[in-house]
């Protein structure tokens, strides 16, 4: 028995029910470490970051570097013992 189509009751509409395989390379397999669940990650990714949507000050704050150093100053590497212990979901 054939399964009912979503576009069965819609006139002049054909819905493509197959999943696009070309977009698979852009999908995230695991939630990045700074997020606790999928909803947090989806909310953050859905927010626009451009100057067109945010004020100049808010745009600078969002895109500000976490570590500020003077030009030519060496950055010490992170040691394995200082890394936070995180679990991937």
PDB file of N, CA and C in Angstrom:
ATOM      1  N   UNK A   1       0.841  -1.173   0.000  1.00  0.00           N
ATOM      2  CA  UNK A   1       0.000   0.000   0.000  1.00  0.00           C
ATOM      3  C   UNK A   1       0.891   1.243   0.000  1.00  0.00           C
ATOM      4  N   UNK A   2       0.610   2.188  -0.877  1.00  0.00           N
ATOM      5  CA  UNK A   2       1.391   3.411  -0.964  1.00  0.00           C
ATOM      6  C   UNK A   2       1.051   4.336   0.189  1.00  0.00           C
ATOM      7  N   UNK A   3       2.029   5.048   0.615  1.00  0.00           N
ATOM      8  CA  UNK A   3       1.850   5.986   1.709  1.00  0.00           C
ATOM      9  C   UNK A   3       1.228   7.279   1.170  1.00  0.00           C
ATOM     10  N   UNK A   4       0.410   7.945   1.977  1.00  0.00           N
ATOM     11  CA  UNK A   4      -0.238   9.186   1.541  1.00  0.00           C
ATOM     12  C   UNK A   4       0.780  10.304   1.423  1.00  0.00           C
ATOM     13  N   UNK A   5       0.662  11.082   0.382  1.00  0.00           N
ATOM     14  CA  UNK A   5       1.566  12.204   0.163  1.00  0.00           C
ATOM     15  C   UNK A   5       1.076  13.437   0.933  1.00  0.00           C
ATOM     16  N   UNK A   6       2.019  14.282   1.344  1.00  0.00           N
ATOM     17  CA  UNK A   6       1.667  15.509   2.051  1.00  0.00           C
ATOM     18  C   UNK A   6       0.952  16.499   1.136  1.00  0.00           C
ATOM     19  N   UNK A   7       1.238  16.424  -0.158  1.00  0.00           N
ATOM     20  CA  UNK A   7       0.632  17.361  -1.093  1.00  0.00           C
ATOM     21  C   UNK A   7      -0.614  16.779  -1.771  1.00  0.00           C
ATOM     22  N   UNK A   8      -1.182  15.729  -1.225  1.00  0.00           N
ATOM     23  CA  UNK A   8      -2.340  15.082  -1.841  1.00  0.00           C
ATOM     24  C   UNK A   8      -3.554  15.978  -1.934  1.00  0.00           C
ATOM     25  N   UNK A   9      -3.774  16.823  -0.951  1.00  0.00           N
ATOM     26  CA  UNK A   9      -4.961  17.688  -0.942  1.00  0.00           C
ATOM     27  C   UNK A   9      -4.691  19.069  -1.534  1.00  0.00           C
ATOM     28  N   UNK A  10      -3.468  19.353  -1.893  1.00  0.00           N
ATOM     29  CA  UNK A  10      -3.118  20.674  -2.413  1.00  0.00           C
ATOM     30  C   UNK A  10      -3.117  20.656  -3.940  1.00  0.00           C
ATOM     31  N   UNK A  11      -3.877  21.551  -4.533  1.00  0.00           N
ATOM     32  CA  UNK A  11      -3.910  21.651  -5.993  1.00  0.00           C
ATOM     33  C   UNK A  11      -2.691  22.430  -6.480  1.00  0.00           C
ATOM     34  N   UNK A  12      -2.144  22.027  -7.594  1.00  0.00           N
ATOM     35  CA  UNK A  12      -1.025  22.706  -8.249  1.00  0.00           C
ATOM     36  C   UNK A  12       0.223  22.796  -7.368  1.00  0.00           C
ATOM     37  N   UNK A  13       0.397  21.867  -6.434  1.00  0.00           N
ATOM     38  CA  UNK A  13       1.572  21.855  -5.557  1.00  0.00           C
ATOM     39  C   UNK A  13       2.172  20.459  -5.576  1.00  0.00           C
ATOM     40  N   UNK A  14       3.486  20.393  -5.721  1.00  0.00           N
ATOM     41  CA  UNK A  14       4.208  19.127  -5.632  1.00  0.00           C
ATOM     42  C   UNK A  14       5.330  19.323  -4.616  1.00  0.00           C
ATOM     43  N   UNK A  15       5.261  18.623  -3.503  1.00  0.00           N
ATOM     44  CA  UNK A  15       6.284  18.708  -2.475  1.00  0.00           C
ATOM     45  C   UNK A  15       7.323  17.608  -2.692  1.00  0.00           C
ATOM     46  N   UNK A  16       8.590  17.990  -2.644  1.00  0.00           N
ATOM     47  CA  UNK A  16       9.675  17.027  -2.768  1.00  0.00           C
ATOM     48  C   UNK A  16       9.923  16.433  -1.385  1.00  0.00           C
ATOM     49  N   UNK A  17       9.651  15.172  -1.200  1.00  0.00           N
ATOM     50  CA  UNK A  17       9.766  14.537   0.109  1.00  0.00           C
ATOM     51  C   UNK A  17      11.109  13.866   0.338  1.00  0.00           C
ATOM     52  N   UNK A  18      11.985  13.894  -0.641  1.00  0.00           N
ATOM     53  CA  UNK A  18      13.307  13.282  -0.443  1.00  0.00           C
ATOM     54  C   UNK A  18      14.237  14.276   0.240  1.00  0.00           C
ATOM     55  N   UNK A  19      15.174  13.766   1.015  1.00  0.00           N
ATOM     56  CA  UNK A  19      16.127  14.613   1.727  1.00  0.00           C
ATOM     57  C   UNK A  19      17.298  14.948   0.808  1.00  0.00           C
ATOM     58  N   UNK A  20      17.706  16.218   0.734  1.00  0.00           N
ATOM     59  CA  UNK A  20      18.830  16.574  -0.128  1.00  0.00           C
ATOM     60  C   UNK A  20      20.152  16.066   0.457  1.00  0.00           C
ATOM     61  N   UNK A  21      20.914  15.363  -0.358  1.00  0.00           N
ATOM     62  CA  UNK A  21      22.197  14.821   0.117  1.00  0.00           C
ATOM     63  C   UNK A  21      23.332  15.816  -0.046  1.00  0.00           C
ATOM     64  N   UNK A  22      23.157  16.856  -0.850  1.00  0.00           N
ATOM     65  CA  UNK A  22      24.227  17.829  -1.060  1.00  0.00           C
ATOM     66  C   UNK A  22      24.432  18.719   0.164  1.00  0.00           C
ATOM     67  N   UNK A  23      23.433  18.842   1.021  1.00  0.00           N
ATOM     68  CA  UNK A  23      23.556  19.694   2.209  1.00  0.00           C
ATOM     69  C   UNK A  23      24.175  18.972   3.398  1.00  0.00           C
ATOM     70  N   UNK A  24      24.405  17.685   3.274  1.00  0.00           N
ATOM     71  CA  UNK A  24      24.891  16.888   4.390  1.00  0.00           C
ATOM     72  C   UNK A  24      26.244  17.374   4.909  1.00  0.00           C
ATOM     73  N   UNK A  25      27.087  17.904   4.020  1.00  0.00           N
ATOM     74  CA  UNK A  25      28.413  18.351   4.445  1.00  0.00           C
ATOM     75  C   UNK A  25      28.351  19.606   5.321  1.00  0.00           C
ATOM     76  N   UNK A  26      27.232  20.318   5.327  1.00  0.00           N
ATOM     77  CA  UNK A  26      27.084  21.518   6.135  1.00  0.00           C
ATOM     78  C   UNK A  26      26.410  21.260   7.483  1.00  0.00           C
ATOM     79  N   UNK A  27      25.955  20.050   7.730  1.00  0.00           N
ATOM     80  CA  UNK A  27      25.289  19.723   8.980  1.00  0.00           C
ATOM     81  C   UNK A  27      26.304  19.398  10.070  1.00  0.00           C
ATOM     82  N   UNK A  28      25.943  19.674  11.299  1.00  0.00           N
ATOM     83  CA  UNK A  28      26.805  19.412  12.446  1.00  0.00           C
ATOM     84  C   UNK A  28      26.418  18.069  13.045  1.00  0.00           C
ATOM     85  N   UNK A  29      27.415  17.203  13.266  1.00  0.00           N
ATOM     86  CA  UNK A  29      27.105  15.885  13.820  1.00  0.00           C
ATOM     87  C   UNK A  29      27.020  15.907  15.349  1.00  0.00           C
ATOM     88  N   UNK A  30      27.850  16.712  15.997  1.00  0.00           N
ATOM     89  CA  UNK A  30      27.839  16.836  17.461  1.00  0.00           C
ATOM     90  C   UNK A  30      27.626  18.294  17.848  1.00  0.00           C
ATOM     91  N   UNK A  31      27.079  18.521  19.030  1.00  0.00           N
ATOM     92  CA  UNK A  31      26.910  19.870  19.544  1.00  0.00           C
ATOM     93  C   UNK A  31      28.283  20.381  19.986  1.00  0.00           C
ATOM     94  N   UNK A  32      28.703  21.589  19.564  1.00  0.00           N
ATOM     95  CA  UNK A  32      29.997  22.126  20.004  1.00  0.00           C
ATOM     96  C   UNK A  32      30.088  22.230  21.523  1.00  0.00           C
ATOM     97  N   UNK A  33      31.309  22.242  22.038  1.00  0.00           N
ATOM     98  CA  UNK A  33      31.535  22.118  23.484  1.00  0.00           C
ATOM     99  C   UNK A  33      30.943  23.235  24.323  1.00  0.00           C
ATOM    100  N   UNK A  34      30.741  24.431  23.790  1.00  0.00           N
ATOM    101  CA  UNK A  34      30.225  25.517  24.627  1.00  0.00           C
ATOM    102  C   UNK A  34      28.713  25.464  24.827  1.00  0.00           C
ATOM    103  N   UNK A  35      28.033  24.548  24.153  1.00  0.00           N
ATOM    104  CA  UNK A  35      26.588  24.413  24.281  1.00  0.00           C
ATOM    105  C   UNK A  35      26.245  23.127  25.024  1.00  0.00           C
ATOM    106  N   UNK A  36      25.181  23.202  25.827  1.00  0.00           N
ATOM    107  CA  UNK A  36      24.778  22.040  26.614  1.00  0.00           C
ATOM    108  C   UNK A  36      23.789  21.141  25.866  1.00  0.00           C
ATOM    109  N   UNK A  37      23.003  21.717  24.948  1.00  0.00           N
ATOM    110  CA  UNK A  37      22.040  20.907  24.211  1.00  0.00           C
ATOM    111  C   UNK A  37      21.801  21.485  22.823  1.00  0.00           C
ATOM    112  N   UNK A  38      21.034  20.767  22.032  1.00  0.00           N
ATOM    113  CA  UNK A  38      20.780  21.134  20.637  1.00  0.00           C
ATOM    114  C   UNK A  38      19.996  22.443  20.532  1.00  0.00           C
ATOM    115  N   UNK A  39      19.071  22.689  21.452  1.00  0.00           N
ATOM    116  CA  UNK A  39      18.251  23.894  21.403  1.00  0.00           C
ATOM    117  C   UNK A  39      19.099  25.150  21.580  1.00  0.00           C
ATOM    118  N   UNK A  40      20.084  25.116  22.499  1.00  0.00           N
ATOM    119  CA  UNK A  40      20.976  26.260  22.690  1.00  0.00           C
ATOM    120  C   UNK A  40      21.764  26.546  21.419  1.00  0.00           C
ATOM    121  N   UNK A  41      22.279  25.499  20.804  1.00  0.00           N
ATOM    122  CA  UNK A  41      23.060  25.655  19.583  1.00  0.00           C
ATOM    123  C   UNK A  41      22.203  26.212  18.449  1.00  0.00           C
ATOM    124  N   UNK A  42      20.998  25.674  18.264  1.00  0.00           N
ATOM    125  CA  UNK A  42      20.105  26.146  17.206  1.00  0.00           C
ATOM    126  C   UNK A  42      19.728  27.611  17.412  1.00  0.00           C
ATOM    127  N   UNK A  43      19.481  28.012  18.658  1.00  0.00           N
ATOM    128  CA  UNK A  43      19.127  29.399  18.949  1.00  0.00           C
ATOM    129  C   UNK A  43      20.284  30.326  18.596  1.00  0.00           C
ATOM    130  N   UNK A  44      21.499  29.956  18.985  1.00  0.00           N
ATOM    131  CA  UNK A  44      22.665  30.799  18.728  1.00  0.00           C
ATOM    132  C   UNK A  44      22.951  30.914  17.234  1.00  0.00           C
ATOM    133  N   UNK A  45      22.834  29.822  16.508  1.00  0.00           N
ATOM    134  CA  UNK A  45      23.122  29.828  15.075  1.00  0.00           C
ATOM    135  C   UNK A  45      22.061  30.610  14.305  1.00  0.00           C
ATOM    136  N   UNK A  46      20.829  30.631  14.799  1.00  0.00           N
ATOM    137  CA  UNK A  46      19.753  31.311  14.081  1.00  0.00           C
ATOM    138  C   UNK A  46      19.805  32.829  14.235  1.00  0.00           C
ATOM    139  N   UNK A  47      20.597  33.343  15.166  1.00  0.00           N
ATOM    140  CA  UNK A  47      20.695  34.784  15.377  1.00  0.00           C
ATOM    141  C   UNK A  47      21.618  35.419  14.346  1.00  0.00           C
ATOM    142  N   UNK A  48      21.185  36.492  13.659  1.00  0.00           N
ATOM    143  CA  UNK A  48      22.056  37.152  12.695  1.00  0.00           C
ATOM    144  C   UNK A  48      23.165  37.933  13.397  1.00  0.00           C
ATOM    145  N   UNK A  49      24.340  38.004  12.762  1.00  0.00           N
ATOM    146  CA  UNK A  49      25.491  38.668  13.374  1.00  0.00           C
ATOM    147  C   UNK A  49      25.935  39.922  12.638  1.00  0.00           C
ATOM    148  N   UNK A  50      25.360  40.241  11.511  1.00  0.00           N
ATOM    149  CA  UNK A  50      25.832  41.349  10.698  1.00  0.00           C
ATOM    150  C   UNK A  50      25.521  42.713  11.277  1.00  0.00           C
ATOM    151  N   UNK A  51      26.226  43.722  10.794  1.00  0.00           N
ATOM    152  CA  UNK A  51      26.008  45.099  11.222  1.00  0.00           C
ATOM    153  C   UNK A  51      24.619  45.573  10.788  1.00  0.00           C
ATOM    154  N   UNK A  52      24.083  44.970   9.730  1.00  0.00           N
ATOM    155  CA  UNK A  52      22.769  45.370   9.254  1.00  0.00           C
ATOM    156  C   UNK A  52      21.672  45.056  10.270  1.00  0.00           C
ATOM    157  N   UNK A  53      21.829  44.011  11.082  1.00  0.00           N
ATOM    158  CA  UNK A  53      20.797  43.602  12.038  1.00  0.00           C
ATOM    159  C   UNK A  53      21.095  44.077  13.446  1.00  0.00           C
ATOM    160  N   UNK A  54      22.362  44.311  13.772  1.00  0.00           N
ATOM    161  CA  UNK A  54      22.763  44.730  15.115  1.00  0.00           C
ATOM    162  C   UNK A  54      23.419  46.099  15.030  1.00  0.00           C
ATOM    163  N   UNK A  55      23.373  46.824  16.122  1.00  0.00           N
ATOM    164  CA  UNK A  55      24.070  48.100  16.173  1.00  0.00           C
ATOM    165  C   UNK A  55      25.582  47.884  16.128  1.00  0.00           C
ATOM    166  N   UNK A  56      26.326  48.940  15.833  1.00  0.00           N
ATOM    167  CA  UNK A  56      27.785  48.827  15.702  1.00  0.00           C
ATOM    168  C   UNK A  56      28.426  48.364  17.012  1.00  0.00           C
ATOM    169  N   UNK A  57      27.950  48.891  18.133  1.00  0.00           N
ATOM    170  CA  UNK A  57      28.524  48.519  19.433  1.00  0.00           C
ATOM    171  C   UNK A  57      28.228  47.053  19.752  1.00  0.00           C
ATOM    172  N   UNK A  58      27.002  46.612  19.517  1.00  0.00           N
ATOM    173  CA  UNK A  58      26.640  45.214  19.781  1.00  0.00           C
ATOM    174  C   UNK A  58      27.413  44.284  18.854  1.00  0.00           C
ATOM    175  N   UNK A  59      27.611  44.683  17.607  1.00  0.00           N
ATOM    176  CA  UNK A  59      28.373  43.875  16.659  1.00  0.00           C
ATOM    177  C   UNK A  59      29.819  43.703  17.126  1.00  0.00           C
ATOM    178  N   UNK A  60      30.431  44.777  17.621  1.00  0.00           N
ATOM    179  CA  UNK A  60      31.817  44.696  18.137  1.00  0.00           C
ATOM    180  C   UNK A  60      31.888  43.791  19.362  1.00  0.00           C
ATOM    181  N   UNK A  61      30.908  43.892  20.247  1.00  0.00           N
ATOM    182  CA  UNK A  61      30.913  43.065  21.461  1.00  0.00           C
ATOM    183  C   UNK A  61      30.787  41.582  21.135  1.00  0.00           C
ATOM    184  N   UNK A  62      29.930  41.238  20.181  1.00  0.00           N
ATOM    185  CA  UNK A  62      29.715  39.840  19.820  1.00  0.00           C
ATOM    186  C   UNK A  62      30.961  39.256  19.161  1.00  0.00           C
ATOM    187  N   UNK A  63      31.647  40.050  18.353  1.00  0.00           N
ATOM    188  CA  UNK A  63      32.799  39.570  17.589  1.00  0.00           C
ATOM    189  C   UNK A  63      34.140  39.890  18.228  1.00  0.00           C
ATOM    190  N   UNK A  64      34.127  40.325  19.479  1.00  0.00           N
ATOM    191  CA  UNK A  64      35.366  40.689  20.170  1.00  0.00           C
ATOM    192  C   UNK A  64      36.183  39.431  20.480  1.00  0.00           C
ATOM    193  N   UNK A  65      37.488  39.537  20.314  1.00  0.00           N
ATOM    194  CA  UNK A  65      38.370  38.412  20.609  1.00  0.00           C
ATOM    195  C   UNK A  65      38.379  38.132  22.105  1.00  0.00           C
ATOM    196  N   UNK A  66      38.482  36.851  22.482  1.00  0.00           N
ATOM    197  CA  UNK A  66      38.480  36.479  23.899  1.00  0.00           C
ATOM    198  C   UNK A  66      39.813  36.789  24.559  1.00  0.00           C
ATOM    199  N   UNK A  67      40.901  36.757  23.780  1.00  0.00           N
ATOM    200  CA  UNK A  67      42.233  37.053  24.296  1.00  0.00           C
ATOM    201  C   UNK A  67      42.769  38.251  23.527  1.00  0.00           C
ATOM    202  N   UNK A  68      43.091  39.321  24.248  1.00  0.00           N
ATOM    203  CA  UNK A  68      43.634  40.516  23.622  1.00  0.00           C
ATOM    204  C   UNK A  68      45.121  40.618  23.931  1.00  0.00           C
ATOM    205  N   UNK A  69      45.941  40.735  22.912  1.00  0.00           N
ATOM    206  CA  UNK A  69      47.389  40.859  23.062  1.00  0.00           C
ATOM    207  C   UNK A  69      47.864  42.013  22.192  1.00  0.00           C
ATOM    208  N   UNK A  70      48.982  42.627  22.590  1.00  0.00           N
ATOM    209  CA  UNK A  70      49.587  43.664  21.771  1.00  0.00           C
ATOM    210  C   UNK A  70      50.259  43.036  20.562  1.00  0.00           C
ATOM    211  N   UNK A  71      50.475  43.846  19.540  1.00  0.00           N
ATOM    212  CA  UNK A  71      51.114  43.370  18.320  1.00  0.00           C
ATOM    213  C   UNK A  71      52.541  42.929  18.641  1.00  0.00           C
ATOM    214  N   UNK A  72      52.911  41.730  18.205  1.00  0.00           N
ATOM    215  CA  UNK A  72      54.253  41.199  18.422  1.00  0.00           C
ATOM    216  C   UNK A  72      54.429  40.456  19.737  1.00  0.00           C
ATOM    217  N   UNK A  73      53.423  40.456  20.600  1.00  0.00           N
ATOM    218  CA  UNK A  73      53.517  39.769  21.885  1.00  0.00           C
ATOM    219  C   UNK A  73      53.220  38.286  21.692  1.00  0.00           C
ATOM    220  N   UNK A  74      54.026  37.428  22.316  1.00  0.00           N
ATOM    221  CA  UNK A  74      53.865  35.979  22.166  1.00  0.00           C
ATOM    222  C   UNK A  74      52.667  35.487  22.982  1.00  0.00           C
ATOM    223  N   UNK A  75      51.968  34.514  22.449  1.00  0.00           N
ATOM    224  CA  UNK A  75      50.841  33.887  23.141  1.00  0.00           C
ATOM    225  C   UNK A  75      51.306  32.524  23.618  1.00  0.00           C
ATOM    226  N   UNK A  76      51.227  32.275  24.915  1.00  0.00           N
ATOM    227  CA  UNK A  76      51.665  30.995  25.464  1.00  0.00           C
ATOM    228  C   UNK A  76      50.659  29.903  25.100  1.00  0.00           C
ATOM    229  N   UNK A  77      51.147  28.718  24.747  1.00  0.00           N
ATOM    230  CA  UNK A  77      50.227  27.634  24.370  1.00  0.00           C
ATOM    231  C   UNK A  77      49.466  27.097  25.578  1.00  0.00           C
ATOM    232  N   UNK A  78      48.315  26.488  25.305  1.00  0.00           N
ATOM    233  CA  UNK A  78      47.506  25.881  26.360  1.00  0.00           C
ATOM    234  C   UNK A  78      48.080  24.508  26.685  1.00  0.00           C
ATOM    235  N   UNK A  79      48.201  24.218  27.975  1.00  0.00           N
ATOM    236  CA  UNK A  79      48.669  22.902  28.403  1.00  0.00           C
ATOM    237  C   UNK A  79      47.478  21.969  28.552  1.00  0.00           C
ATOM    238  N   UNK A  80      47.696  20.699  28.308  1.00  0.00           N
ATOM    239  CA  UNK A  80      46.612  19.724  28.343  1.00  0.00           C
ATOM    240  C   UNK A  80      45.929  19.664  29.710  1.00  0.00           C
ATOM    241  N   UNK A  81      46.645  19.877  30.782  1.00  0.00           N
ATOM    242  CA  UNK A  81      46.078  19.824  32.120  1.00  0.00           C
ATOM    243  C   UNK A  81      45.120  20.966  32.415  1.00  0.00           C
ATOM    244  N   UNK A  82      45.233  22.083  31.686  1.00  0.00           N
ATOM    245  CA  UNK A  82      44.382  23.243  31.931  1.00  0.00           C
ATOM    246  C   UNK A  82      43.094  23.233  31.111  1.00  0.00           C
ATOM    247  N   UNK A  83      42.938  22.274  30.232  1.00  0.00           N
ATOM    248  CA  UNK A  83      41.737  22.212  29.411  1.00  0.00           C
ATOM    249  C   UNK A  83      40.541  21.754  30.247  1.00  0.00           C
ATOM    250  N   UNK A  84      39.361  22.328  29.998  1.00  0.00           N
ATOM    251  CA  UNK A  84      38.184  21.883  30.753  1.00  0.00           C
ATOM    252  C   UNK A  84      37.761  20.486  30.320  1.00  0.00           C
ATOM    253  N   UNK A  85      37.244  19.736  31.254  1.00  0.00           N
ATOM    254  CA  UNK A  85      36.768  18.384  30.959  1.00  0.00           C
ATOM    255  C   UNK A  85      35.330  18.476  30.495  1.00  0.00           C
ATOM    256  N   UNK A  86      35.103  18.169  29.210  1.00  0.00           N
ATOM    257  CA  UNK A  86      33.749  18.255  28.658  1.00  0.00           C
ATOM    258  C   UNK A  86      33.357  16.910  28.081  1.00  0.00           C
ATOM    259  N   UNK A  87      32.069  16.664  28.092  1.00  0.00           N
ATOM    260  CA  UNK A  87      31.526  15.454  27.497  1.00  0.00           C
ATOM    261  C   UNK A  87      30.722  15.849  26.269  1.00  0.00           C
ATOM    262  N   UNK A  88      30.913  15.104  25.189  1.00  0.00           N
ATOM    263  CA  UNK A  88      30.138  15.362  23.989  1.00  0.00           C
ATOM    264  C   UNK A  88      28.831  14.602  24.074  1.00  0.00           C
ATOM    265  N   UNK A  89      27.803  15.244  23.600  1.00  0.00           N
ATOM    266  CA  UNK A  89      26.459  14.646  23.641  1.00  0.00           C
ATOM    267  C   UNK A  89      26.301  13.712  22.476  1.00  0.00           C
TER     268      UNK A  89
END
